[in-house]
Amino acid sequence: LDILPRPCLISSTASSAAKRFLNNWTTAAMRSRLEPLKKFVRAVRKHANGILAFVETHLTNAVAEGINRIVRMVKNRASGFRDLDPFADLIFLCVGDVDIPAQIPAQFRTL
């Protein structure tokens, strides 16, 4: 039993081959007596559709997660705003490359 899946899962171009590989690996890993490994395999099986979608499309939600992180940071900074409009303006100023004369250029912003 190989404890970790080989890179061939990610490099596989055929989604059916990746699905077969993932199924074979998780079945073999579940036969292990290592409870932490079994717990990991259960998590892999729970997220198998997402894993196989990545193998097929090579797309992730990393950009959306990054934007959400910045919005959360702006929300913490904008805690005193009483209206949604100034909050949205601050998000656009921090995330977007808005060119306002009194605004600090995008490359010098801290957020």
C-alpha atoms as a PDB file:
ATOM      1  CA  LEU A   1       0.000   0.000   0.000  1.00  0.00           C
ATOM      2  CA  ASP A   2       1.351   3.376  -0.990  1.00  0.00           C
ATOM      3  CA  ILE A   3       0.308   5.696   1.815  1.00  0.00           C
ATOM      4  CA  LEU A   4       0.178   8.829  -0.342  1.00  0.00           C
ATOM      5  CA  PRO A   5      -1.399   8.977  -3.797  1.00  0.00           C
ATOM      6  CA  ARG A   6       1.027   9.360  -6.642  1.00  0.00           C
ATOM      7  CA  PRO A   7       1.075  12.459  -8.849  1.00  0.00           C
ATOM      8  CA  CYS A   8      -0.539  10.413 -11.628  1.00  0.00           C
ATOM      9  CA  LEU A   9      -3.927  11.305 -10.131  1.00  0.00           C
ATOM     10  CA  ILE A  10      -3.401  14.991 -10.901  1.00  0.00           C
ATOM     11  CA  SER A  11      -1.619  14.451 -14.209  1.00  0.00           C
ATOM     12  CA  SER A  12      -4.282  12.078 -15.474  1.00  0.00           C
ATOM     13  CA  THR A  13      -6.125  13.571 -18.412  1.00  0.00           C
ATOM     14  CA  ALA A  14      -8.975  11.090 -18.493  1.00  0.00           C
ATOM     15  CA  SER A  15     -11.439  11.720 -15.708  1.00  0.00           C
ATOM     16  CA  SER A  16     -12.472   8.061 -15.739  1.00  0.00           C
ATOM     17  CA  ALA A  17      -8.850   7.015 -15.122  1.00  0.00           C
ATOM     18  CA  ALA A  18      -8.547   9.507 -12.279  1.00  0.00           C
ATOM     19  CA  LYS A  19     -11.821   8.284 -10.786  1.00  0.00           C
ATOM     20  CA  ARG A  20     -10.651   4.663 -11.011  1.00  0.00           C
ATOM     21  CA  PHE A  21      -7.283   5.553  -9.464  1.00  0.00           C
ATOM     22  CA  LEU A  22      -8.907   7.481  -6.597  1.00  0.00           C
ATOM     23  CA  ASN A  23     -11.367   4.663  -5.946  1.00  0.00           C
ATOM     24  CA  ASN A  24      -8.609   2.014  -5.930  1.00  0.00           C
ATOM     25  CA  TRP A  25      -6.396   4.080  -3.653  1.00  0.00           C
ATOM     26  CA  THR A  26      -9.135   4.903  -1.136  1.00  0.00           C
ATOM     27  CA  THR A  27     -10.250   1.258  -1.038  1.00  0.00           C
ATOM     28  CA  ALA A  28      -6.686   0.091  -0.360  1.00  0.00           C
ATOM     29  CA  ALA A  29      -6.122   2.808   2.233  1.00  0.00           C
ATOM     30  CA  MET A  30      -9.325   1.885   4.089  1.00  0.00           C
ATOM     31  CA  ARG A  31      -7.886  -1.610   4.613  1.00  0.00           C
ATOM     32  CA  SER A  32      -5.125  -0.021   6.652  1.00  0.00           C
ATOM     33  CA  ARG A  33      -5.200  -0.301  10.428  1.00  0.00           C
ATOM     34  CA  LEU A  34      -4.158   3.333  10.788  1.00  0.00           C
ATOM     35  CA  GLU A  35      -7.174   5.268  12.055  1.00  0.00           C
ATOM     36  CA  PRO A  36      -5.790   8.720  11.051  1.00  0.00           C
ATOM     37  CA  LEU A  37      -5.349   7.430   7.495  1.00  0.00           C
ATOM     38  CA  LYS A  38      -8.912   6.099   7.478  1.00  0.00           C
ATOM     39  CA  LYS A  39     -10.144   9.487   8.696  1.00  0.00           C
ATOM     40  CA  PHE A  40      -8.249  11.176   5.855  1.00  0.00           C
ATOM     41  CA  VAL A  41      -9.682   8.723   3.313  1.00  0.00           C
ATOM     42  CA  ARG A  42     -13.217   9.452   4.532  1.00  0.00           C
ATOM     43  CA  ALA A  43     -12.544  13.163   3.959  1.00  0.00           C
ATOM     44  CA  VAL A  44     -11.152  12.423   0.481  1.00  0.00           C
ATOM     45  CA  ARG A  45     -14.234  10.368  -0.366  1.00  0.00           C
ATOM     46  CA  LYS A  46     -16.493  13.146   0.914  1.00  0.00           C
ATOM     47  CA  HIS A  47     -14.766  15.624  -1.426  1.00  0.00           C
ATOM     48  CA  ALA A  48     -14.169  13.207  -4.321  1.00  0.00           C
ATOM     49  CA  ASN A  49     -16.397  15.157  -6.714  1.00  0.00           C
ATOM     50  CA  GLY A  50     -14.405  18.343  -6.133  1.00  0.00           C
ATOM     51  CA  ILE A  51     -11.090  16.505  -6.451  1.00  0.00           C
ATOM     52  CA  LEU A  52     -12.148  14.924  -9.726  1.00  0.00           C
ATOM     53  CA  ALA A  53     -13.491  18.263 -10.989  1.00  0.00           C
ATOM     54  CA  PHE A  54     -10.052  19.777 -10.359  1.00  0.00           C
ATOM     55  CA  VAL A  55      -8.383  16.905 -12.223  1.00  0.00           C
ATOM     56  CA  GLU A  56     -10.683  17.513 -15.174  1.00  0.00           C
ATOM     57  CA  THR A  57     -10.680  21.339 -15.274  1.00  0.00           C
ATOM     58  CA  HIS A  58      -7.565  22.389 -13.301  1.00  0.00           C
ATOM     59  CA  LEU A  59      -9.649  25.213 -11.802  1.00  0.00           C
ATOM     60  CA  THR A  60      -9.813  26.162  -8.125  1.00  0.00           C
ATOM     61  CA  ASN A  61     -11.678  28.722  -6.059  1.00  0.00           C
ATOM     62  CA  ALA A  62      -8.436  30.319  -4.830  1.00  0.00           C
ATOM     63  CA  VAL A  63      -9.198  33.706  -6.402  1.00  0.00           C
ATOM     64  CA  ALA A  64     -12.626  33.856  -4.749  1.00  0.00           C
ATOM     65  CA  GLU A  65     -11.112  32.872  -1.390  1.00  0.00           C
ATOM     66  CA  GLY A  66      -8.496  35.613  -1.760  1.00  0.00           C
ATOM     67  CA  ILE A  67     -11.144  38.229  -2.499  1.00  0.00           C
ATOM     68  CA  ASN A  68     -13.205  37.018   0.474  1.00  0.00           C
ATOM     69  CA  ARG A  69     -10.150  37.408   2.708  1.00  0.00           C
ATOM     70  CA  ILE A  70      -9.646  40.996   1.564  1.00  0.00           C
ATOM     71  CA  VAL A  71     -13.350  41.792   2.048  1.00  0.00           C
ATOM     72  CA  ARG A  72     -13.162  40.417   5.614  1.00  0.00           C
ATOM     73  CA  MET A  73     -10.138  42.618   6.313  1.00  0.00           C
ATOM     74  CA  VAL A  74     -11.964  45.654   4.902  1.00  0.00           C
ATOM     75  CA  LYS A  75     -15.019  44.779   7.003  1.00  0.00           C
ATOM     76  CA  ASN A  76     -12.879  44.830  10.144  1.00  0.00           C
ATOM     77  CA  ARG A  77     -11.447  48.193   9.131  1.00  0.00           C
ATOM     78  CA  ALA A  78     -14.878  49.636   8.269  1.00  0.00           C
ATOM     79  CA  SER A  79     -16.647  48.673  11.482  1.00  0.00           C
ATOM     80  CA  GLY A  80     -17.936  52.215  12.120  1.00  0.00           C
ATOM     81  CA  PHE A  81     -19.776  52.645   8.826  1.00  0.00           C
ATOM     82  CA  ARG A  82     -23.542  52.947   9.156  1.00  0.00           C
ATOM     83  CA  ASP A  83     -24.360  52.420   5.509  1.00  0.00           C
ATOM     84  CA  LEU A  84     -23.398  49.838   2.909  1.00  0.00           C
ATOM     85  CA  ASP A  85     -22.235  52.373   0.286  1.00  0.00           C
ATOM     86  CA  PRO A  86     -19.057  53.531   2.088  1.00  0.00           C
ATOM     87  CA  PHE A  87     -18.226  49.885   2.834  1.00  0.00           C
ATOM     88  CA  ALA A  88     -18.577  48.983  -0.849  1.00  0.00           C
ATOM     89  CA  ASP A  89     -16.481  52.033  -1.795  1.00  0.00           C
ATOM     90  CA  LEU A  90     -13.720  50.923   0.572  1.00  0.00           C
ATOM     91  CA  ILE A  91     -13.768  47.424  -0.937  1.00  0.00           C
ATOM     92  CA  PHE A  92     -13.380  48.862  -4.445  1.00  0.00           C
ATOM     93  CA  LEU A  93     -10.574  51.155  -3.288  1.00  0.00           C
ATOM     94  CA  CYS A  94      -8.671  48.261  -1.698  1.00  0.00           C
ATOM     95  CA  VAL A  95      -9.326  45.546  -4.280  1.00  0.00           C
ATOM     96  CA  GLY A  96      -9.763  47.418  -7.530  1.00  0.00           C
ATOM     97  CA  ASP A  97      -7.151  49.522  -9.242  1.00  0.00           C
ATOM     98  CA  VAL A  98      -9.146  52.747  -8.830  1.00  0.00           C
ATOM     99  CA  ASP A  99      -7.251  55.803 -10.001  1.00  0.00           C
ATOM    100  CA  ILE A 100      -8.261  58.677  -7.702  1.00  0.00           C
ATOM    101  CA  PRO A 101      -5.820  61.626  -7.417  1.00  0.00           C
ATOM    102  CA  ALA A 102      -5.904  61.716  -3.598  1.00  0.00           C
ATOM    103  CA  GLN A 103      -5.726  57.926  -3.339  1.00  0.00           C
ATOM    104  CA  ILE A 104      -2.475  56.041  -2.746  1.00  0.00           C
ATOM    105  CA  PRO A 105      -1.442  54.170  -5.928  1.00  0.00           C
ATOM    106  CA  ALA A 106      -2.376  50.488  -5.994  1.00  0.00           C
ATOM    107  CA  GLN A 107       1.216  49.235  -5.745  1.00  0.00           C
ATOM    108  CA  PHE A 108       1.742  51.130  -2.453  1.00  0.00           C
ATOM    109  CA  ARG A 109      -1.434  50.021  -0.660  1.00  0.00           C
ATOM    110  CA  THR A 110      -1.038  47.813   2.382  1.00  0.00           C
ATOM    111  CA  LEU A 111      -4.124  45.696   1.736  1.00  0.00           C
END
